[in-house]
Amino acid sequence: MELLCKIFGHKWVLIKPAPYQTFGNCFYRCKRCGKSQTMHKWQRVPNRCYDKCEVCGDMHYLPHEYKDGKCVRCGDPAPLPREKLSYEESMSNADEGIGSGGVRGGW
């Protein structure tokens, strides 16, 4: 059977999972050789930084790609650069908990 797949390619069939199985809804098995794998059919979602599978609805998150101050995919503004504190400034904030883990009020 594997020879047929090498010559003609796999013949994938979508397998519907039982409710207790965890491999998802995009699980395919070859009718010829029995090989199985997960194959999503990703579709770009306009104005969002993720793709969505047409079959099962799973989402594949993409990183923001900034150009000219905003993300080219979703339009979110680029984060402002953080102000770099001097050693003295960072140590003066340590009393408030900022320099020691960012927790105000302590634990």
C-alpha atoms as a PDB file:
ATOM      1  CA  MET A   1       0.000   0.000   0.000  1.00  0.00           C
ATOM      2  CA  GLU A   2       2.827   2.450   0.750  1.00  0.00           C
ATOM      3  CA  LEU A   3       4.023   1.942  -2.835  1.00  0.00           C
ATOM      4  CA  LEU A   4       0.688   3.292  -4.109  1.00  0.00           C
ATOM      5  CA  CYS A   5       1.111   6.387  -1.949  1.00  0.00           C
ATOM      6  CA  LYS A   6       4.636   6.877  -3.287  1.00  0.00           C
ATOM      7  CA  ILE A   7       3.370   6.669  -6.865  1.00  0.00           C
ATOM      8  CA  PHE A   8      -0.048   8.355  -6.677  1.00  0.00           C
ATOM      9  CA  GLY A   9       0.172  10.258  -3.392  1.00  0.00           C
ATOM     10  CA  HIS A  10      -1.853   9.869  -0.230  1.00  0.00           C
ATOM     11  CA  LYS A  11      -5.647   9.720  -0.298  1.00  0.00           C
ATOM     12  CA  TRP A  12      -6.515  11.742   2.813  1.00  0.00           C
ATOM     13  CA  VAL A  13      -9.847  11.310   4.590  1.00  0.00           C
ATOM     14  CA  LEU A  14     -11.009  13.567   7.429  1.00  0.00           C
ATOM     15  CA  ILE A  15     -11.544  11.566  10.626  1.00  0.00           C
ATOM     16  CA  LYS A  16     -14.207  12.864  12.993  1.00  0.00           C
ATOM     17  CA  PRO A  17     -12.926  12.461  16.571  1.00  0.00           C
ATOM     18  CA  ALA A  18     -14.939  11.007  19.398  1.00  0.00           C
ATOM     19  CA  PRO A  19     -15.839  13.571  22.087  1.00  0.00           C
ATOM     20  CA  TYR A  20     -13.205  12.212  24.505  1.00  0.00           C
ATOM     21  CA  GLN A  21     -10.319  12.312  22.003  1.00  0.00           C
ATOM     22  CA  THR A  22      -7.954  15.273  22.064  1.00  0.00           C
ATOM     23  CA  PHE A  23      -6.345  15.316  18.617  1.00  0.00           C
ATOM     24  CA  GLY A  24      -8.744  17.903  17.198  1.00  0.00           C
ATOM     25  CA  ASN A  25     -11.040  18.125  14.234  1.00  0.00           C
ATOM     26  CA  CYS A  26      -8.399  18.354  11.483  1.00  0.00           C
ATOM     27  CA  PHE A  27      -7.114  14.810  11.847  1.00  0.00           C
ATOM     28  CA  TYR A  28      -6.684  13.038   8.516  1.00  0.00           C
ATOM     29  CA  ARG A  29      -5.838   9.408   7.691  1.00  0.00           C
ATOM     30  CA  CYS A  30      -4.687   8.017   4.353  1.00  0.00           C
ATOM     31  CA  LYS A  31      -7.093   5.384   2.977  1.00  0.00           C
ATOM     32  CA  ARG A  32      -4.252   3.617   1.207  1.00  0.00           C
ATOM     33  CA  CYS A  33      -1.455   3.306   3.782  1.00  0.00           C
ATOM     34  CA  GLY A  34      -3.033   4.291   7.118  1.00  0.00           C
ATOM     35  CA  LYS A  35      -0.658   7.200   7.783  1.00  0.00           C
ATOM     36  CA  SER A  36      -2.298   9.927   9.851  1.00  0.00           C
ATOM     37  CA  GLN A  37      -1.580  13.588  10.478  1.00  0.00           C
ATOM     38  CA  THR A  38      -3.166  16.882  11.424  1.00  0.00           C
ATOM     39  CA  MET A  39      -3.677  19.254   8.504  1.00  0.00           C
ATOM     40  CA  HIS A  40      -5.347  22.612   9.014  1.00  0.00           C
ATOM     41  CA  LYS A  41      -6.713  24.715   6.178  1.00  0.00           C
ATOM     42  CA  TRP A  42      -5.606  28.169   7.319  1.00  0.00           C
ATOM     43  CA  GLN A  43      -7.479  31.220   6.118  1.00  0.00           C
ATOM     44  CA  ARG A  44      -6.309  34.784   6.737  1.00  0.00           C
ATOM     45  CA  VAL A  45      -8.657  36.807   8.944  1.00  0.00           C
ATOM     46  CA  PRO A  46      -8.734  40.424   7.730  1.00  0.00           C
ATOM     47  CA  ASN A  47      -7.558  43.109  10.170  1.00  0.00           C
ATOM     48  CA  ARG A  48      -6.414  40.521  12.737  1.00  0.00           C
ATOM     49  CA  CYS A  49      -3.056  38.999  13.676  1.00  0.00           C
ATOM     50  CA  TYR A  50      -4.194  35.390  13.382  1.00  0.00           C
ATOM     51  CA  ASP A  51      -5.262  32.833  10.800  1.00  0.00           C
ATOM     52  CA  LYS A  52      -8.284  30.602  11.370  1.00  0.00           C
ATOM     53  CA  CYS A  53      -8.760  27.014  10.212  1.00  0.00           C
ATOM     54  CA  GLU A  54     -11.744  26.641   7.874  1.00  0.00           C
ATOM     55  CA  VAL A  55     -12.423  23.102   9.113  1.00  0.00           C
ATOM     56  CA  CYS A  56     -12.109  23.170  12.919  1.00  0.00           C
ATOM     57  CA  GLY A  57     -11.895  26.854  13.855  1.00  0.00           C
ATOM     58  CA  ASP A  58      -8.463  26.630  15.526  1.00  0.00           C
ATOM     59  CA  MET A  59      -6.485  29.869  15.425  1.00  0.00           C
ATOM     60  CA  HIS A  60      -2.824  30.348  14.558  1.00  0.00           C
ATOM     61  CA  TYR A  61      -1.583  33.578  16.125  1.00  0.00           C
ATOM     62  CA  LEU A  62       0.938  35.680  14.217  1.00  0.00           C
ATOM     63  CA  PRO A  63       3.333  38.266  15.663  1.00  0.00           C
ATOM     64  CA  HIS A  64       2.697  41.938  14.966  1.00  0.00           C
ATOM     65  CA  GLU A  65       4.656  43.284  12.014  1.00  0.00           C
ATOM     66  CA  TYR A  66       5.152  47.021  12.448  1.00  0.00           C
ATOM     67  CA  LYS A  67       5.729  49.457   9.606  1.00  0.00           C
ATOM     68  CA  ASP A  68       5.327  53.231   9.775  1.00  0.00           C
ATOM     69  CA  GLY A  69       4.148  53.075  13.396  1.00  0.00           C
ATOM     70  CA  LYS A  70       1.391  50.445  13.061  1.00  0.00           C
ATOM     71  CA  CYS A  71       0.926  46.724  12.441  1.00  0.00           C
ATOM     72  CA  VAL A  72       0.477  45.879   8.759  1.00  0.00           C
ATOM     73  CA  ARG A  73      -1.931  43.022   9.614  1.00  0.00           C
ATOM     74  CA  CYS A  74      -4.254  44.422  12.279  1.00  0.00           C
ATOM     75  CA  GLY A  75      -3.509  48.158  12.380  1.00  0.00           C
ATOM     76  CA  ASP A  76      -2.571  48.286  16.088  1.00  0.00           C
ATOM     77  CA  PRO A  77      -0.174  51.136  16.866  1.00  0.00           C
ATOM     78  CA  ALA A  78       3.443  50.256  17.572  1.00  0.00           C
ATOM     79  CA  PRO A  79       4.366  50.316  21.268  1.00  0.00           C
ATOM     80  CA  LEU A  80       6.184  53.402  22.436  1.00  0.00           C
ATOM     81  CA  PRO A  81       9.828  52.918  23.318  1.00  0.00           C
ATOM     82  CA  ARG A  82      10.372  52.514  27.049  1.00  0.00           C
ATOM     83  CA  GLU A  83      12.280  55.200  28.877  1.00  0.00           C
ATOM     84  CA  LYS A  84      15.571  53.896  30.176  1.00  0.00           C
ATOM     85  CA  LEU A  85      16.070  54.704  33.858  1.00  0.00           C
ATOM     86  CA  SER A  86      19.399  55.511  35.384  1.00  0.00           C
ATOM     87  CA  TYR A  87      20.682  53.361  38.241  1.00  0.00           C
ATOM     88  CA  GLU A  88      19.695  56.003  40.804  1.00  0.00           C
ATOM     89  CA  GLU A  89      16.168  56.291  39.418  1.00  0.00           C
ATOM     90  CA  SER A  90      15.680  52.532  39.363  1.00  0.00           C
ATOM     91  CA  MET A  91      16.924  52.212  42.944  1.00  0.00           C
ATOM     92  CA  SER A  92      14.652  55.032  44.138  1.00  0.00           C
ATOM     93  CA  ASN A  93      11.706  53.039  42.770  1.00  0.00           C
ATOM     94  CA  ALA A  94      12.828  49.906  44.654  1.00  0.00           C
ATOM     95  CA  ASP A  95      11.203  51.203  47.849  1.00  0.00           C
ATOM     96  CA  GLU A  96       7.844  51.161  46.075  1.00  0.00           C
ATOM     97  CA  GLY A  97       8.324  47.606  44.847  1.00  0.00           C
ATOM     98  CA  ILE A  98       8.864  48.596  41.226  1.00  0.00           C
ATOM     99  CA  GLY A  99      12.553  47.700  41.138  1.00  0.00           C
ATOM    100  CA  SER A 100      11.986  44.439  42.993  1.00  0.00           C
ATOM    101  CA  GLY A 101       9.712  42.569  40.653  1.00  0.00           C
ATOM    102  CA  GLY A 102       7.180  45.252  39.835  1.00  0.00           C
ATOM    103  CA  VAL A 103       4.812  44.410  42.692  1.00  0.00           C
ATOM    104  CA  ARG A 104       3.549  47.410  44.599  1.00  0.00           C
ATOM    105  CA  GLY A 105       2.921  46.936  48.262  1.00  0.00           C
ATOM    106  CA  GLY A 106       4.957  43.746  48.497  1.00  0.00           C
ATOM    107  CA  TRP A 107       3.858  40.264  49.349  1.00  0.00           C
END
